Protein backbone atom coordinates (compact mmCIF):
# COMPACT_ATOMS: atom_id res chain seq x y z
CA MET A 1 -35.54 -2.47 57.85
CA ALA A 2 -37.05 -3.54 61.10
CA CYS A 3 -35.46 -2.62 64.39
CA ASN A 4 -33.77 -5.28 66.49
CA THR A 5 -36.14 -6.12 69.28
CA GLU A 6 -34.53 -9.39 70.37
CA ARG A 7 -31.42 -7.97 72.01
CA ALA A 8 -33.08 -7.73 75.37
CA ASN A 9 -33.76 -11.47 75.28
CA CYS A 10 -30.02 -12.34 75.03
CA THR A 11 -27.46 -12.15 77.79
CA PRO A 12 -23.92 -10.81 77.21
CA GLU A 13 -22.54 -14.24 78.08
CA GLU A 14 -24.64 -15.87 75.38
CA ILE A 15 -23.54 -13.37 72.75
CA MET A 16 -19.86 -13.19 73.75
CA ALA A 17 -19.21 -16.81 74.60
CA ALA A 18 -15.52 -16.17 74.20
CA GLY A 19 -15.73 -13.72 77.06
CA GLN A 20 -15.86 -16.62 79.48
CA LEU A 21 -12.66 -18.43 80.41
CA PRO A 22 -11.19 -20.77 79.31
CA CYS A 23 -12.56 -19.65 75.95
CA GLY A 24 -11.22 -16.58 74.22
CA LYS A 25 -7.67 -15.50 75.18
CA PHE A 26 -6.99 -13.80 71.87
CA VAL A 27 -3.53 -12.72 73.09
CA ASN A 28 -2.35 -16.23 73.80
CA GLY A 29 0.47 -17.77 71.80
CA GLU A 30 -1.09 -21.23 72.01
CA ASN A 31 -4.06 -19.96 70.00
CA LEU A 32 -1.98 -18.19 67.35
CA GLN A 33 -0.12 -21.04 65.65
CA ALA A 34 -1.43 -20.24 62.17
CA GLU A 35 -0.77 -16.52 62.49
CA GLN A 36 2.76 -17.12 63.80
CA LEU A 37 3.48 -19.47 60.89
CA VAL A 38 2.43 -16.73 58.46
CA TYR A 39 4.80 -14.22 60.06
CA ASP A 40 7.62 -16.75 60.22
CA LEU A 41 7.30 -17.49 56.50
CA ALA A 42 7.03 -13.77 55.75
CA TYR A 43 10.27 -13.00 57.62
CA ARG A 44 12.06 -15.86 55.88
CA ASP A 45 10.79 -14.71 52.50
CA LEU A 46 11.88 -11.13 53.19
CA ILE A 47 15.40 -12.15 54.25
CA ASN A 48 15.91 -14.63 51.41
CA ASN A 49 14.68 -12.26 48.71
CA MET A 50 15.47 -8.75 49.98
CA GLY A 51 18.51 -9.63 52.05
CA ILE A 52 22.11 -9.79 50.84
CA GLU A 53 24.73 -12.53 50.91
CA ILE A 54 27.19 -12.40 53.78
CA ASN A 55 30.05 -14.47 55.15
CA TYR A 56 29.61 -15.34 58.81
CA TYR A 57 32.67 -16.07 60.98
CA VAL A 58 32.22 -17.77 64.34
CA ASN A 59 34.58 -16.50 67.04
CA THR A 60 35.78 -19.41 69.19
CA PHE A 61 36.42 -17.25 72.24
CA THR A 62 35.41 -18.95 75.49
CA LEU A 63 35.19 -17.64 79.03
CA THR A 64 37.12 -20.63 80.34
CA GLY A 65 39.97 -20.14 77.87
CA GLY A 66 40.11 -16.35 77.91
CA ASN A 67 42.04 -14.01 80.14
CA LEU A 68 39.28 -12.37 82.15
CA LEU A 69 41.61 -9.62 83.36
CA TYR A 70 42.27 -8.34 79.85
CA GLY A 71 39.06 -9.71 78.35
CA GLU A 72 40.80 -11.48 75.48
CA GLN A 73 41.99 -14.88 74.31
CA PRO A 74 44.92 -14.45 71.87
CA THR A 75 44.77 -18.09 70.78
CA ALA A 76 41.08 -17.98 69.88
CA ALA A 77 40.57 -18.50 66.16
CA PHE A 78 37.71 -17.85 63.77
CA LEU A 79 36.01 -20.73 62.01
CA ASP A 80 35.91 -20.71 58.22
CA ALA A 81 33.46 -18.40 56.45
CA ILE A 82 29.84 -19.57 56.38
CA PRO A 83 27.73 -18.01 53.59
CA MET A 84 24.12 -17.09 54.38
CA GLN A 85 21.49 -14.43 53.76
CA MET A 86 20.90 -11.41 56.01
CA TYR A 87 18.59 -8.42 55.78
CA VAL A 88 20.75 -5.38 56.46
CA GLU A 89 19.94 -1.80 57.46
CA LEU A 90 23.07 0.29 57.00
CA SER A 91 23.69 3.54 58.87
CA GLN A 92 24.27 5.94 55.99
CA ASP A 93 24.11 9.13 58.07
CA ALA A 94 27.49 8.70 59.76
CA LEU A 95 29.25 11.39 57.71
CA THR A 96 26.40 13.85 58.13
CA LEU A 97 26.29 13.46 61.90
CA SER A 98 30.06 13.81 62.19
CA GLN A 99 29.78 17.38 60.89
CA PHE A 100 27.93 18.31 64.06
CA GLY A 101 30.31 16.73 66.55
CA PHE A 102 28.73 13.27 66.70
CA ASP A 103 30.77 10.14 66.08
CA PRO A 104 28.26 7.39 65.28
CA GLY A 105 30.89 5.19 63.70
CA ASP A 106 30.35 2.68 60.91
CA ASP A 107 27.71 0.17 61.97
CA PHE A 108 24.58 -1.61 60.83
CA THR A 109 21.55 -3.54 62.03
CA GLY A 110 20.89 -6.94 60.52
CA PHE A 111 18.21 -9.64 60.74
CA LEU A 112 18.82 -13.41 60.59
CA HIS A 113 16.02 -15.95 60.39
CA ILE A 114 16.33 -18.10 63.53
CA GLU A 115 15.44 -21.47 62.02
CA THR A 116 17.53 -20.90 58.88
CA PHE A 117 20.53 -19.78 60.92
CA THR A 118 20.34 -22.81 63.21
CA ASP A 119 19.89 -25.27 60.34
CA THR A 120 22.80 -23.77 58.40
CA MET A 121 25.14 -23.91 61.39
CA SER A 122 24.04 -27.39 62.48
CA ALA A 123 24.95 -28.81 59.07
CA LEU A 124 28.64 -27.87 59.45
CA SER A 125 30.86 -30.24 61.38
CA GLY A 126 33.28 -27.53 62.51
CA VAL A 127 30.52 -25.51 64.14
CA VAL A 128 28.95 -28.61 65.69
CA ASP A 129 32.31 -29.69 67.15
CA TYR A 130 32.95 -26.24 68.62
CA PHE A 131 29.55 -25.88 70.29
CA SER A 132 29.71 -29.50 71.48
CA LEU A 133 32.91 -28.68 73.35
CA LEU A 134 31.05 -25.88 75.10
CA ASP A 135 28.22 -28.28 75.93
CA THR A 136 25.85 -25.74 74.35
CA PHE A 137 25.11 -27.40 71.03
CA SER A 138 21.41 -26.85 71.61
CA ALA A 139 21.99 -23.09 71.62
CA ILE A 140 23.74 -22.22 68.37
CA GLU A 141 23.15 -18.50 68.16
CA PRO A 142 24.89 -15.35 66.90
CA ARG A 143 27.23 -14.07 69.57
CA ALA A 144 29.03 -10.82 70.31
CA GLY A 145 32.48 -11.09 68.76
CA ASP A 146 31.39 -13.03 65.66
CA LEU A 147 32.22 -11.34 62.35
CA ILE A 148 30.04 -10.52 59.35
CA GLU A 149 31.51 -9.79 55.93
CA LEU A 150 29.14 -8.01 53.55
CA THR A 151 30.31 -9.87 50.45
CA ALA A 152 27.47 -8.63 48.24
CA LEU A 153 28.52 -5.00 48.77
CA GLY A 154 32.22 -5.42 48.02
CA CYS A 155 32.55 -7.07 44.63
CA ASP A 156 33.12 -3.93 42.55
CA ARG A 157 34.46 -1.31 44.96
CA PRO A 158 37.04 1.07 43.42
CA GLY A 159 40.70 1.17 44.37
CA GLY A 160 41.02 -2.55 44.94
CA ARG A 161 38.89 -2.41 48.09
CA GLY A 162 36.79 -5.36 49.17
CA PRO A 163 33.78 -6.07 51.37
CA LYS A 164 33.55 -4.36 54.72
CA ILE A 165 33.77 -6.52 57.83
CA TYR A 166 31.78 -5.91 60.99
CA GLU A 167 31.87 -7.31 64.52
CA ILE A 168 28.63 -8.19 66.29
CA THR A 169 28.07 -6.20 69.47
CA GLU A 170 24.48 -7.14 70.30
CA ARG A 171 22.02 -9.94 69.59
CA VAL A 172 18.31 -9.68 70.43
CA ASP A 173 15.59 -12.25 69.80
CA GLU A 174 12.81 -10.49 71.68
CA ASP A 175 11.59 -6.95 71.16
CA ILE A 176 7.81 -7.15 71.43
CA SER A 177 7.23 -3.78 69.77
CA ALA A 178 9.44 -4.53 66.76
CA ILE A 179 10.25 -8.15 65.86
CA ASN A 180 7.73 -10.31 67.74
CA PRO A 181 4.30 -9.92 66.13
CA MET A 182 1.70 -12.38 67.41
CA LEU A 183 4.00 -13.17 70.36
CA GLY A 184 6.25 -15.32 68.17
CA HIS A 185 10.03 -15.42 67.79
CA TYR A 186 11.19 -15.47 64.19
CA VAL A 187 14.45 -13.55 63.73
CA TYR A 188 17.62 -12.49 65.48
CA ARG A 189 18.29 -8.77 65.35
CA VAL A 190 22.01 -8.13 65.51
CA ARG A 191 23.89 -4.86 65.68
CA ALA A 192 27.50 -4.68 64.54
CA LYS A 193 30.30 -2.13 64.28
CA ARG A 194 33.20 -1.91 61.84
CA TYR A 195 35.78 -4.54 62.70
CA ASP A 196 39.19 -3.36 63.84
CA TYR A 197 41.54 -6.05 62.56
CA SER A 198 43.08 -7.96 65.46
CA TYR A 199 45.35 -10.54 63.75
CA LYS A 200 43.50 -13.47 65.33
CA PRO A 201 44.00 -16.80 63.53
CA ASN A 202 41.81 -17.13 60.44
CA SER A 203 40.56 -13.59 60.93
CA PRO A 204 39.33 -12.03 57.66
CA LYS A 205 40.99 -8.79 56.63
CA GLU A 206 39.60 -6.04 54.45
CA LYS A 207 41.50 -5.38 51.25
CA GLN A 208 43.51 -2.15 51.23
CA ASN A 209 43.16 -1.87 55.00
CA GLU A 210 46.47 -0.27 55.89
CA GLN A 211 45.95 0.54 59.53
CA VAL A 212 48.96 1.52 61.60
CA TYR A 213 51.19 -1.29 62.77
CA ASP A 214 54.91 -1.63 63.51
CA ASP A 215 56.26 -4.84 62.05
CA THR A 216 55.70 -7.72 64.47
CA PHE A 217 55.26 -5.58 67.57
CA THR A 218 51.55 -4.94 67.06
CA GLY A 219 51.05 -7.01 63.92
CA VAL A 220 51.43 -10.74 63.36
CA LEU A 221 54.33 -12.03 65.44
CA SER A 222 57.43 -13.47 63.83
CA THR A 223 57.25 -17.21 63.46
CA ASN A 224 59.20 -20.20 62.20
CA ILE A 225 56.06 -22.02 61.09
CA THR A 226 56.19 -22.83 57.39
CA ASP A 227 53.87 -20.75 55.20
CA ASP A 228 52.68 -18.73 58.18
CA ALA A 229 52.27 -15.09 57.16
CA VAL A 230 53.68 -12.23 59.24
CA SER A 231 53.15 -8.51 59.02
CA PRO A 232 55.39 -6.99 56.34
CA SER A 233 57.96 -4.40 57.33
CA LYS A 234 56.52 -0.93 57.37
CA ARG A 235 58.31 2.39 57.62
CA TYR A 236 56.89 5.81 58.32
CA VAL A 237 58.49 8.83 56.68
CA TYR A 238 57.59 11.26 59.44
CA ASP A 239 59.25 11.51 62.84
CA ILE A 240 57.08 13.26 65.41
CA ASP A 241 60.16 14.25 67.45
CA ASP A 242 61.69 16.07 64.49
CA ILE A 243 58.38 17.71 63.60
CA SER A 244 57.86 18.89 67.18
CA LYS A 245 61.41 20.23 67.44
CA ASP A 246 61.57 21.93 64.06
CA ASP A 247 58.01 23.13 63.52
CA VAL A 248 56.24 23.37 66.87
CA TYR A 249 58.89 24.72 69.23
CA ASP A 250 60.89 26.75 66.71
CA MET A 251 59.95 30.33 67.59
CA ASP A 252 61.24 31.61 64.27
CA LYS A 253 58.46 29.65 62.65
CA ASN A 254 55.88 30.23 65.39
CA ASN A 255 56.07 33.97 65.97
CA THR A 256 53.69 34.99 68.75
CA ASP A 257 54.12 38.76 68.45
CA ILE A 258 50.44 39.11 67.71
CA TYR A 259 49.77 37.90 71.26
CA GLY A 260 52.07 40.44 72.86
CA GLY A 261 55.54 38.97 72.30
CA TYR A 262 57.31 35.70 73.12
CA TYR A 263 56.50 33.78 76.25
């Protein structure tokens, strides 16, 4: 093979024409339409095929209607469940970490395809009416406070349990190192924690979730509205006052001789 003897007759500008502006710009979103379309379709395919079915509940909390002192709006309701697909990464190491003093809680990270999410929401009149009232119909997005029910993971749980329900705490559409290849925006990454039932109107409740409540004081308030459910009466068999008096402060039961006598 003969050696290349013509290189000296070419200039760098002639060889690398793209090195001169306005040509080139490989890291320019305007020049990456085809590549971005490939990634967008790949994300959608991944979520639709490897994701799971969920029920999405829109929280109708608004800053104008909420009590900013307490950070709540007791009259805010949830819209009806909206089924869709989500790719979910569950945190399965919670129990392991708790052995070492960490309390990571029960949470997960999920991915929603932006275009699919917007199209699904925009086709529902209830969602459209709600966002129209906020004058933000052009920005239908997942929001902190919305609920996600993992319906696909609750159909055959033992003991009469049902799907777990989570509350969104964070929504991100831009993380260049993780979810934005080729400078495009394809998915929402949401993080959510286990939902602590709050008795808001139309709020979904996990089956067999018997958290502590005292009748209508911290549960659903008594009402005269027909067919409106209230928290059932609930009694607790233990009395902390009796336990403290009989078991904790009874020195006959709590002999401290081993520490040098009674104090």
